[in-house]
Amino acid sequence: MDIPKPRYPGAVFHSEKLAGFQYHCSMSKCRFMDTSTGWLLYHGSEIHPYSLEFECPSDGVVGRWSRELQPIIEQVVQEKIDEGFDLENAKQRAKIEAQRAGLG
């Protein structure tokens, strides 16, 4: 299976468990749904440091967080840590990338 490349700055890792969530597009007059791509994003906020990359077929990509997504985000992050993933290094890279894009 080919993992799609992230399109929104601040990507940490991809997980199929984070893909496929849908919400109404964040653009008020859009009739399409934003769908999560599976990419976890890191932006360094102390309250909610992670969000997911979502894509709308009309409006493109956006980083998005919701209270309902927090438990699955925490679960997948812990699973990656347990697998030996270097989360701290990935977060540093993601934070620098987001800052370069003017998001941090």
PDB file of N, CA and C in Angstrom:
ATOM      1  N   MET A   1       0.839  -1.182   0.000  1.00  0.00           N
ATOM      2  CA  MET A   1       0.000   0.000   0.000  1.00  0.00           C
ATOM      3  C   MET A   1       0.886   1.248   0.000  1.00  0.00           C
ATOM      4  N   ASP A   2       0.598   2.162  -0.885  1.00  0.00           N
ATOM      5  CA  ASP A   2       1.337   3.409  -0.966  1.00  0.00           C
ATOM      6  C   ASP A   2       0.750   4.425   0.004  1.00  0.00           C
ATOM      7  N   ILE A   3       1.612   5.020   0.803  1.00  0.00           N
ATOM      8  CA  ILE A   3       1.174   6.059   1.733  1.00  0.00           C
ATOM      9  C   ILE A   3       1.224   7.391   0.993  1.00  0.00           C
ATOM     10  N   PRO A   4       0.111   8.129   0.982  1.00  0.00           N
ATOM     11  CA  PRO A   4       0.128   9.425   0.303  1.00  0.00           C
ATOM     12  C   PRO A   4       1.045  10.393   1.041  1.00  0.00           C
ATOM     13  N   LYS A   5       1.641  11.291   0.306  1.00  0.00           N
ATOM     14  CA  LYS A   5       2.505  12.300   0.920  1.00  0.00           C
ATOM     15  C   LYS A   5       1.633  13.341   1.620  1.00  0.00           C
ATOM     16  N   PRO A   6       2.098  13.851   2.769  1.00  0.00           N
ATOM     17  CA  PRO A   6       1.326  14.908   3.440  1.00  0.00           C
ATOM     18  C   PRO A   6       1.373  16.183   2.613  1.00  0.00           C
ATOM     19  N   ARG A   7       0.293  16.934   2.661  1.00  0.00           N
ATOM     20  CA  ARG A   7       0.239  18.187   1.914  1.00  0.00           C
ATOM     21  C   ARG A   7       0.148  19.398   2.834  1.00  0.00           C
ATOM     22  N   TYR A   8      -0.096  19.172   4.115  1.00  0.00           N
ATOM     23  CA  TYR A   8      -0.209  20.266   5.061  1.00  0.00           C
ATOM     24  C   TYR A   8       1.046  20.261   5.930  1.00  0.00           C
ATOM     25  N   PRO A   9       1.633  21.411   6.223  1.00  0.00           N
ATOM     26  CA  PRO A   9       2.874  21.459   7.005  1.00  0.00           C
ATOM     27  C   PRO A   9       2.706  20.886   8.425  1.00  0.00           C
ATOM     28  N   GLY A  10       3.750  20.278   8.911  1.00  0.00           N
ATOM     29  CA  GLY A  10       3.772  19.787  10.283  1.00  0.00           C
ATOM     30  C   GLY A  10       3.446  18.311  10.429  1.00  0.00           C
ATOM     31  N   ALA A  11       3.560  17.528   9.358  1.00  0.00           N
ATOM     32  CA  ALA A  11       3.230  16.098   9.423  1.00  0.00           C
ATOM     33  C   ALA A  11       4.248  15.343  10.277  1.00  0.00           C
ATOM     34  N   VAL A  12       3.736  14.477  11.149  1.00  0.00           N
ATOM     35  CA  VAL A  12       4.579  13.676  12.032  1.00  0.00           C
ATOM     36  C   VAL A  12       4.671  12.241  11.514  1.00  0.00           C
ATOM     37  N   PHE A  13       3.529  11.609  11.301  1.00  0.00           N
ATOM     38  CA  PHE A  13       3.487  10.255  10.741  1.00  0.00           C
ATOM     39  C   PHE A  13       2.101   9.981  10.173  1.00  0.00           C
ATOM     40  N   HIS A  14       2.023   8.904   9.394  1.00  0.00           N
ATOM     41  CA  HIS A  14       0.764   8.479   8.785  1.00  0.00           C
ATOM     42  C   HIS A  14       0.282   7.212   9.484  1.00  0.00           C
ATOM     43  N   SER A  15      -1.030   7.113   9.688  1.00  0.00           N
ATOM     44  CA  SER A  15      -1.637   5.905  10.242  1.00  0.00           C
ATOM     45  C   SER A  15      -3.008   5.711   9.596  1.00  0.00           C
ATOM     46  N   GLU A  16      -3.257   4.499   9.131  1.00  0.00           N
ATOM     47  CA  GLU A  16      -4.577   4.195   8.564  1.00  0.00           C
ATOM     48  C   GLU A  16      -5.682   4.381   9.600  1.00  0.00           C
ATOM     49  N   LYS A  17      -5.345   4.233  10.883  1.00  0.00           N
ATOM     50  CA  LYS A  17      -6.349   4.426  11.948  1.00  0.00           C
ATOM     51  C   LYS A  17      -6.826   5.876  12.029  1.00  0.00           C
ATOM     52  N   LEU A  18      -6.049   6.795  11.463  1.00  0.00           N
ATOM     53  CA  LEU A  18      -6.417   8.214  11.491  1.00  0.00           C
ATOM     54  C   LEU A  18      -7.046   8.667  10.175  1.00  0.00           C
ATOM     55  N   ALA A  19      -7.216   7.752   9.240  1.00  0.00           N
ATOM     56  CA  ALA A  19      -7.760   8.090   7.924  1.00  0.00           C
ATOM     57  C   ALA A  19      -9.266   7.817   7.859  1.00  0.00           C
ATOM     58  N   GLY A  20      -9.955   8.653   7.089  1.00  0.00           N
ATOM     59  CA  GLY A  20     -11.359   8.402   6.784  1.00  0.00           C
ATOM     60  C   GLY A  20     -12.384   9.100   7.651  1.00  0.00           C
ATOM     61  N   PHE A  21     -11.962   9.863   8.642  1.00  0.00           N
ATOM     62  CA  PHE A  21     -12.926  10.625   9.438  1.00  0.00           C
ATOM     63  C   PHE A  21     -13.465  11.756   8.577  1.00  0.00           C
ATOM     64  N   GLN A  22     -14.740  12.063   8.715  1.00  0.00           N
ATOM     65  CA  GLN A  22     -15.330  13.104   7.876  1.00  0.00           C
ATOM     66  C   GLN A  22     -16.085  14.138   8.700  1.00  0.00           C
ATOM     67  N   TYR A  23     -15.923  15.392   8.278  1.00  0.00           N
ATOM     68  CA  TYR A  23     -16.636  16.529   8.854  1.00  0.00           C
ATOM     69  C   TYR A  23     -17.032  17.440   7.699  1.00  0.00           C
ATOM     70  N   HIS A  24     -18.055  18.247   7.905  1.00  0.00           N
ATOM     71  CA  HIS A  24     -18.402  19.233   6.884  1.00  0.00           C
ATOM     72  C   HIS A  24     -17.197  20.128   6.647  1.00  0.00           C
ATOM     73  N   CYS A  25     -17.013  20.504   5.407  1.00  0.00           N
ATOM     74  CA  CYS A  25     -15.878  21.351   5.049  1.00  0.00           C
ATOM     75  C   CYS A  25     -15.848  22.596   5.932  1.00  0.00           C
ATOM     76  N   SER A  26     -14.649  23.028   6.245  1.00  0.00           N
ATOM     77  CA  SER A  26     -14.488  24.207   7.095  1.00  0.00           C
ATOM     78  C   SER A  26     -14.820  25.513   6.358  1.00  0.00           C
ATOM     79  N   MET A  27     -14.968  25.458   5.041  1.00  0.00           N
ATOM     80  CA  MET A  27     -15.375  26.635   4.269  1.00  0.00           C
ATOM     81  C   MET A  27     -16.906  26.698   4.297  1.00  0.00           C
ATOM     82  N   SER A  28     -17.446  27.782   4.764  1.00  0.00           N
ATOM     83  CA  SER A  28     -18.867  27.868   5.091  1.00  0.00           C
ATOM     84  C   SER A  28     -19.828  27.533   3.952  1.00  0.00           C
ATOM     85  N   LYS A  29     -19.517  27.864   2.731  1.00  0.00           N
ATOM     86  CA  LYS A  29     -20.473  27.625   1.633  1.00  0.00           C
ATOM     87  C   LYS A  29     -20.172  26.355   0.840  1.00  0.00           C
ATOM     88  N   CYS A  30     -19.191  25.595   1.271  1.00  0.00           N
ATOM     89  CA  CYS A  30     -18.818  24.373   0.560  1.00  0.00           C
ATOM     90  C   CYS A  30     -19.805  23.257   0.893  1.00  0.00           C
ATOM     91  N   ARG A  31     -20.158  22.477  -0.092  1.00  0.00           N
ATOM     92  CA  ARG A  31     -21.110  21.384   0.123  1.00  0.00           C
ATOM     93  C   ARG A  31     -20.413  20.032   0.313  1.00  0.00           C
ATOM     94  N   PHE A  32     -19.087  20.013   0.208  1.00  0.00           N
ATOM     95  CA  PHE A  32     -18.339  18.771   0.333  1.00  0.00           C
ATOM     96  C   PHE A  32     -17.939  18.490   1.785  1.00  0.00           C
ATOM     97  N   MET A  33     -17.437  17.277   1.989  1.00  0.00           N
ATOM     98  CA  MET A  33     -16.951  16.870   3.302  1.00  0.00           C
ATOM     99  C   MET A  33     -15.425  16.892   3.299  1.00  0.00           C
ATOM    100  N   ASP A  34     -14.833  17.315   4.421  1.00  0.00           N
ATOM    101  CA  ASP A  34     -13.404  17.146   4.656  1.00  0.00           C
ATOM    102  C   ASP A  34     -13.210  15.707   5.122  1.00  0.00           C
ATOM    103  N   THR A  35     -12.218  15.030   4.587  1.00  0.00           N
ATOM    104  CA  THR A  35     -11.923  13.654   4.984  1.00  0.00           C
ATOM    105  C   THR A  35     -10.479  13.591   5.456  1.00  0.00           C
ATOM    106  N   SER A  36     -10.254  12.946   6.609  1.00  0.00           N
ATOM    107  CA  SER A  36      -8.891  12.854   7.134  1.00  0.00           C
ATOM    108  C   SER A  36      -8.059  11.931   6.257  1.00  0.00           C
ATOM    109  N   THR A  37      -6.815  12.347   6.034  1.00  0.00           N
ATOM    110  CA  THR A  37      -5.907  11.627   5.143  1.00  0.00           C
ATOM    111  C   THR A  37      -5.088  10.557   5.862  1.00  0.00           C
ATOM    112  N   GLY A  38      -5.089  10.596   7.189  1.00  0.00           N
ATOM    113  CA  GLY A  38      -4.273   9.661   7.965  1.00  0.00           C
ATOM    114  C   GLY A  38      -2.997  10.274   8.510  1.00  0.00           C
ATOM    115  N   TRP A  39      -2.712  11.527   8.130  1.00  0.00           N
ATOM    116  CA  TRP A  39      -1.499  12.190   8.619  1.00  0.00           C
ATOM    117  C   TRP A  39      -1.772  12.920   9.928  1.00  0.00           C
ATOM    118  N   LEU A  40      -0.942  12.624  10.922  1.00  0.00           N
ATOM    119  CA  LEU A  40      -0.971  13.335  12.194  1.00  0.00           C
ATOM    120  C   LEU A  40      -0.089  14.566  12.043  1.00  0.00           C
ATOM    121  N   LEU A  41      -0.599  15.709  12.464  1.00  0.00           N
ATOM    122  CA  LEU A  41       0.139  16.972  12.390  1.00  0.00           C
ATOM    123  C   LEU A  41       0.506  17.423  13.799  1.00  0.00           C
ATOM    124  N   TYR A  42       1.650  18.064  13.919  1.00  0.00           N
ATOM    125  CA  TYR A  42       2.098  18.607  15.201  1.00  0.00           C
ATOM    126  C   TYR A  42       2.359  20.093  15.031  1.00  0.00           C
ATOM    127  N   HIS A  43       1.800  20.884  15.942  1.00  0.00           N
ATOM    128  CA  HIS A  43       2.018  22.328  15.866  1.00  0.00           C
ATOM    129  C   HIS A  43       2.481  22.915  17.185  1.00  0.00           C
ATOM    130  N   GLY A  44       2.682  22.082  18.209  1.00  0.00           N
ATOM    131  CA  GLY A  44       3.327  22.520  19.426  1.00  0.00           C
ATOM    132  C   GLY A  44       2.469  23.208  20.469  1.00  0.00           C
ATOM    133  N   SER A  45       1.200  23.352  20.236  1.00  0.00           N
ATOM    134  CA  SER A  45       0.323  23.964  21.230  1.00  0.00           C
ATOM    135  C   SER A  45       0.335  23.120  22.503  1.00  0.00           C
ATOM    136  N   GLU A  46       0.299  23.763  23.638  1.00  0.00           N
ATOM    137  CA  GLU A  46       0.328  23.016  24.898  1.00  0.00           C
ATOM    138  C   GLU A  46      -0.993  22.307  25.173  1.00  0.00           C
ATOM    139  N   ILE A  47      -2.103  22.882  24.771  1.00  0.00           N
ATOM    140  CA  ILE A  47      -3.411  22.291  25.073  1.00  0.00           C
ATOM    141  C   ILE A  47      -3.703  21.118  24.144  1.00  0.00           C
ATOM    142  N   HIS A  48      -3.621  21.329  22.845  1.00  0.00           N
ATOM    143  CA  HIS A  48      -3.869  20.280  21.851  1.00  0.00           C
ATOM    144  C   HIS A  48      -2.736  20.322  20.825  1.00  0.00           C
ATOM    145  N   PRO A  49      -1.634  19.626  21.100  1.00  0.00           N
ATOM    146  CA  PRO A  49      -0.468  19.740  20.223  1.00  0.00           C
ATOM    147  C   PRO A  49      -0.629  19.062  18.863  1.00  0.00           C
ATOM    148  N   TYR A  50      -1.614  18.173  18.739  1.00  0.00           N
ATOM    149  CA  TYR A  50      -1.787  17.437  17.496  1.00  0.00           C
ATOM    150  C   TYR A  50      -3.117  17.767  16.835  1.00  0.00           C
ATOM    151  N   SER A  51      -3.117  17.630  15.522  1.00  0.00           N
ATOM    152  CA  SER A  51      -4.352  17.699  14.744  1.00  0.00           C
ATOM    153  C   SER A  51      -4.183  16.708  13.600  1.00  0.00           C
ATOM    154  N   LEU A  52      -5.200  16.568  12.775  1.00  0.00           N
ATOM    155  CA  LEU A  52      -5.126  15.678  11.623  1.00  0.00           C
ATOM    156  C   LEU A  52      -5.205  16.486  10.341  1.00  0.00           C
ATOM    157  N   GLU A  53      -4.576  15.964   9.310  1.00  0.00           N
ATOM    158  CA  GLU A  53      -4.698  16.563   7.992  1.00  0.00           C
ATOM    159  C   GLU A  53      -6.022  16.099   7.386  1.00  0.00           C
ATOM    160  N   PHE A  54      -6.818  17.058   6.932  1.00  0.00           N
ATOM    161  CA  PHE A  54      -8.084  16.766   6.259  1.00  0.00           C
ATOM    162  C   PHE A  54      -8.018  17.342   4.860  1.00  0.00           C
ATOM    163  N   GLU A  55      -8.736  16.700   3.938  1.00  0.00           N
ATOM    164  CA  GLU A  55      -8.782  17.195   2.572  1.00  0.00           C
ATOM    165  C   GLU A  55     -10.225  17.312   2.104  1.00  0.00           C
ATOM    166  N   CYS A  56     -10.512  18.428   1.471  1.00  0.00           N
ATOM    167  CA  CYS A  56     -11.799  18.677   0.821  1.00  0.00           C
ATOM    168  C   CYS A  56     -11.554  18.607  -0.682  1.00  0.00           C
ATOM    169  N   PRO A  57     -12.399  17.913  -1.446  1.00  0.00           N
ATOM    170  CA  PRO A  57     -12.175  17.840  -2.895  1.00  0.00           C
ATOM    171  C   PRO A  57     -12.272  19.197  -3.590  1.00  0.00           C
ATOM    172  N   SER A  58     -12.901  20.155  -2.952  1.00  0.00           N
ATOM    173  CA  SER A  58     -13.052  21.478  -3.549  1.00  0.00           C
ATOM    174  C   SER A  58     -12.028  22.489  -3.021  1.00  0.00           C
ATOM    175  N   ASP A  59     -11.755  22.450  -1.716  1.00  0.00           N
ATOM    176  CA  ASP A  59     -10.978  23.509  -1.073  1.00  0.00           C
ATOM    177  C   ASP A  59      -9.563  23.133  -0.655  1.00  0.00           C
ATOM    178  N   GLY A  60      -9.147  21.884  -0.841  1.00  0.00           N
ATOM    179  CA  GLY A  60      -7.784  21.493  -0.515  1.00  0.00           C
ATOM    180  C   GLY A  60      -7.630  20.958   0.896  1.00  0.00           C
ATOM    181  N   VAL A  61      -6.437  21.138   1.457  1.00  0.00           N
ATOM    182  CA  VAL A  61      -6.106  20.533   2.750  1.00  0.00           C
ATOM    183  C   VAL A  61      -6.105  21.551   3.877  1.00  0.00           C
ATOM    184  N   VAL A  62      -6.342  21.026   5.077  1.00  0.00           N
ATOM    185  CA  VAL A  62      -6.373  21.845   6.282  1.00  0.00           C
ATOM    186  C   VAL A  62      -6.015  20.950   7.465  1.00  0.00           C
ATOM    187  N   GLY A  63      -5.436  21.536   8.504  1.00  0.00           N
ATOM    188  CA  GLY A  63      -5.216  20.823   9.754  1.00  0.00           C
ATOM    189  C   GLY A  63      -6.436  21.037  10.634  1.00  0.00           C
ATOM    190  N   ARG A  64      -6.897  19.967  11.270  1.00  0.00           N
ATOM    191  CA  ARG A  64      -8.138  20.066  12.034  1.00  0.00           C
ATOM    192  C   ARG A  64      -8.072  19.211  13.293  1.00  0.00           C
ATOM    193  N   TRP A  65      -8.621  19.741  14.378  1.00  0.00           N
ATOM    194  CA  TRP A  65      -8.717  19.006  15.638  1.00  0.00           C
ATOM    195  C   TRP A  65     -10.153  19.078  16.114  1.00  0.00           C
ATOM    196  N   SER A  66     -10.616  18.014  16.751  1.00  0.00           N
ATOM    197  CA  SER A  66     -11.909  18.042  17.443  1.00  0.00           C
ATOM    198  C   SER A  66     -11.806  17.156  18.674  1.00  0.00           C
ATOM    199  N   ARG A  67     -12.626  17.450  19.633  1.00  0.00           N
ATOM    200  CA  ARG A  67     -12.639  16.693  20.888  1.00  0.00           C
ATOM    201  C   ARG A  67     -12.869  15.202  20.624  1.00  0.00           C
ATOM    202  N   GLU A  68     -13.714  14.881  19.647  1.00  0.00           N
ATOM    203  CA  GLU A  68     -14.025  13.481  19.342  1.00  0.00           C
ATOM    204  C   GLU A  68     -12.812  12.713  18.820  1.00  0.00           C
ATOM    205  N   LEU A  69     -11.877  13.425  18.196  1.00  0.00           N
ATOM    206  CA  LEU A  69     -10.694  12.774  17.635  1.00  0.00           C
ATOM    207  C   LEU A  69      -9.585  12.559  18.654  1.00  0.00           C
ATOM    208  N   GLN A  70      -9.620  13.278  19.760  1.00  0.00           N
ATOM    209  CA  GLN A  70      -8.522  13.230  20.722  1.00  0.00           C
ATOM    210  C   GLN A  70      -8.204  11.823  21.215  1.00  0.00           C
ATOM    211  N   PRO A  71      -9.197  10.982  21.585  1.00  0.00           N
ATOM    212  CA  PRO A  71      -8.843   9.637  22.067  1.00  0.00           C
ATOM    213  C   PRO A  71      -8.106   8.787  21.030  1.00  0.00           C
ATOM    214  N   ILE A  72      -8.527   8.822  19.768  1.00  0.00           N
ATOM    215  CA  ILE A  72      -7.838   8.017  18.751  1.00  0.00           C
ATOM    216  C   ILE A  72      -6.450   8.594  18.470  1.00  0.00           C
ATOM    217  N   ILE A  73      -6.309   9.901  18.514  1.00  0.00           N
ATOM    218  CA  ILE A  73      -4.986  10.504  18.351  1.00  0.00           C
ATOM    219  C   ILE A  73      -4.054  10.018  19.453  1.00  0.00           C
ATOM    220  N   GLU A  74      -4.500  10.078  20.698  1.00  0.00           N
ATOM    221  CA  GLU A  74      -3.672   9.634  21.823  1.00  0.00           C
ATOM    222  C   GLU A  74      -3.329   8.152  21.701  1.00  0.00           C
ATOM    223  N   GLN A  75      -4.295   7.339  21.294  1.00  0.00           N
ATOM    224  CA  GLN A  75      -4.060   5.899  21.146  1.00  0.00           C
ATOM    225  C   GLN A  75      -2.997   5.619  20.084  1.00  0.00           C
ATOM    226  N   VAL A  76      -3.118   6.244  18.934  1.00  0.00           N
ATOM    227  CA  VAL A  76      -2.180   6.000  17.840  1.00  0.00           C
ATOM    228  C   VAL A  76      -0.784   6.536  18.184  1.00  0.00           C
ATOM    229  N   VAL A  77      -0.704   7.682  18.830  1.00  0.00           N
ATOM    230  CA  VAL A  77       0.595   8.209  19.257  1.00  0.00           C
ATOM    231  C   VAL A  77       1.270   7.221  20.213  1.00  0.00           C
ATOM    232  N   GLN A  78       0.522   6.701  21.176  1.00  0.00           N
ATOM    233  CA  GLN A  78       1.105   5.749  22.126  1.00  0.00           C
ATOM    234  C   GLN A  78       1.548   4.465  21.429  1.00  0.00           C
ATOM    235  N   GLU A  79       0.757   3.987  20.472  1.00  0.00           N
ATOM    236  CA  GLU A  79       1.144   2.797  19.714  1.00  0.00           C
ATOM    237  C   GLU A  79       2.454   3.020  18.967  1.00  0.00           C
ATOM    238  N   LYS A  80       2.615   4.190  18.354  1.00  0.00           N
ATOM    239  CA  LYS A  80       3.847   4.498  17.632  1.00  0.00           C
ATOM    240  C   LYS A  80       5.040   4.547  18.585  1.00  0.00           C
ATOM    241  N   ILE A  81       4.857   5.154  19.755  1.00  0.00           N
ATOM    242  CA  ILE A  81       5.927   5.191  20.759  1.00  0.00           C
ATOM    243  C   ILE A  81       6.304   3.768  21.164  1.00  0.00           C
ATOM    244  N   ASP A  82       5.289   2.933  21.415  1.00  0.00           N
ATOM    245  CA  ASP A  82       5.532   1.535  21.818  1.00  0.00           C
ATOM    246  C   ASP A  82       6.271   0.750  20.739  1.00  0.00           C
ATOM    247  N   GLU A  83       6.086   1.139  19.470  1.00  0.00           N
ATOM    248  CA  GLU A  83       6.784   0.482  18.354  1.00  0.00           C
ATOM    249  C   GLU A  83       8.222   0.972  18.213  1.00  0.00           C
ATOM    250  N   GLY A  84       8.598   1.998  19.001  1.00  0.00           N
ATOM    251  CA  GLY A  84       9.952   2.525  18.940  1.00  0.00           C
ATOM    252  C   GLY A  84      10.112   3.739  18.044  1.00  0.00           C
ATOM    253  N   PHE A  85       9.008   4.310  17.591  1.00  0.00           N
ATOM    254  CA  PHE A  85       9.056   5.493  16.750  1.00  0.00           C
ATOM    255  C   PHE A  85       9.660   6.657  17.533  1.00  0.00           C
ATOM    256  N   ASP A  86      10.574   7.398  16.905  1.00  0.00           N
ATOM    257  CA  ASP A  86      11.226   8.541  17.553  1.00  0.00           C
ATOM    258  C   ASP A  86      10.313   9.763  17.448  1.00  0.00           C
ATOM    259  N   LEU A  87       9.358   9.847  18.343  1.00  0.00           N
ATOM    260  CA  LEU A  87       8.351  10.901  18.307  1.00  0.00           C
ATOM    261  C   LEU A  87       8.956  12.279  18.522  1.00  0.00           C
ATOM    262  N   GLU A  88       9.887  12.400  19.435  1.00  0.00           N
ATOM    263  CA  GLU A  88      10.460  13.717  19.729  1.00  0.00           C
ATOM    264  C   GLU A  88      11.173  14.305  18.513  1.00  0.00           C
ATOM    265  N   ASN A  89      11.929  13.486  17.806  1.00  0.00           N
ATOM    266  CA  ASN A  89      12.611  13.949  16.597  1.00  0.00           C
ATOM    267  C   ASN A  89      11.587  14.337  15.525  1.00  0.00           C
ATOM    268  N   ALA A  90      10.558  13.527  15.352  1.00  0.00           N
ATOM    269  CA  ALA A  90       9.521  13.818  14.359  1.00  0.00           C
ATOM    270  C   ALA A  90       8.775  15.108  14.712  1.00  0.00           C
ATOM    271  N   LYS A  91       8.529  15.340  15.997  1.00  0.00           N
ATOM    272  CA  LYS A  91       7.848  16.568  16.420  1.00  0.00           C
ATOM    273  C   LYS A  91       8.717  17.791  16.147  1.00  0.00           C
ATOM    274  N   GLN A  92      10.016  17.685  16.381  1.00  0.00           N
ATOM    275  CA  GLN A  92      10.925  18.806  16.096  1.00  0.00           C
ATOM    276  C   GLN A  92      10.899  19.156  14.623  1.00  0.00           C
ATOM    277  N   ARG A  93      11.005  18.122  13.771  1.00  0.00           N
ATOM    278  CA  ARG A  93      10.957  18.322  12.319  1.00  0.00           C
ATOM    279  C   ARG A  93       9.639  18.976  11.907  1.00  0.00           C
ATOM    280  N   ALA A  94       8.536  18.461  12.443  1.00  0.00           N
ATOM    281  CA  ALA A  94       7.211  18.977  12.096  1.00  0.00           C
ATOM    282  C   ALA A  94       7.046  20.427  12.541  1.00  0.00           C
ATOM    283  N   LYS A  95       7.529  20.736  13.724  1.00  0.00           N
ATOM    284  CA  LYS A  95       7.414  22.104  14.243  1.00  0.00           C
ATOM    285  C   LYS A  95       8.194  23.087  13.370  1.00  0.00           C
ATOM    286  N   ILE A  96       9.391  22.709  12.965  1.00  0.00           N
ATOM    287  CA  ILE A  96      10.211  23.557  12.092  1.00  0.00           C
ATOM    288  C   ILE A  96       9.504  23.758  10.759  1.00  0.00           C
ATOM    289  N   GLU A  97       8.964  22.683  10.204  1.00  0.00           N
ATOM    290  CA  GLU A  97       8.249  22.765   8.928  1.00  0.00           C
ATOM    291  C   GLU A  97       7.034  23.695   9.036  1.00  0.00           C
ATOM    292  N   ALA A  98       6.274  23.571  10.116  1.00  0.00           N
ATOM    293  CA  ALA A  98       5.094  24.431  10.310  1.00  0.00           C
ATOM    294  C   ALA A  98       5.506  25.896  10.466  1.00  0.00           C
ATOM    295  N   GLN A  99       6.602  26.141  11.204  1.00  0.00           N
ATOM    296  CA  GLN A  99       7.083  27.513  11.374  1.00  0.00           C
ATOM    297  C   GLN A  99       7.517  28.120  10.046  1.00  0.00           C
ATOM    298  N   ARG A 100       8.201  27.328   9.225  1.00  0.00           N
ATOM    299  CA  ARG A 100       8.634  27.809   7.909  1.00  0.00           C
ATOM    300  C   ARG A 100       7.434  28.171   7.026  1.00  0.00           C
ATOM    301  N   ALA A 101       6.333  27.452   7.237  1.00  0.00           N
ATOM    302  CA  ALA A 101       5.118  27.710   6.449  1.00  0.00           C
ATOM    303  C   ALA A 101       4.277  28.826   7.068  1.00  0.00           C
ATOM    304  N   GLY A 102       4.770  29.399   8.184  1.00  0.00           N
ATOM    305  CA  GLY A 102       4.046  30.490   8.827  1.00  0.00           C
ATOM    306  C   GLY A 102       2.901  30.034   9.705  1.00  0.00           C
ATOM    307  N   LEU A 103       2.933  28.781  10.153  1.00  0.00           N
ATOM    308  CA  LEU A 103       1.847  28.243  10.980  1.00  0.00           C
ATOM    309  C   LEU A 103       2.232  28.083  12.437  1.00  0.00           C
ATOM    310  N   GLY A 104       3.456  28.326  12.786  1.00  0.00           N
ATOM    311  CA  GLY A 104       3.860  28.083  14.168  1.00  0.00           C
ATOM    312  C   GLY A 104       4.372  29.283  14.867  1.00  0.00           C
TER     313      GLY A 104
END
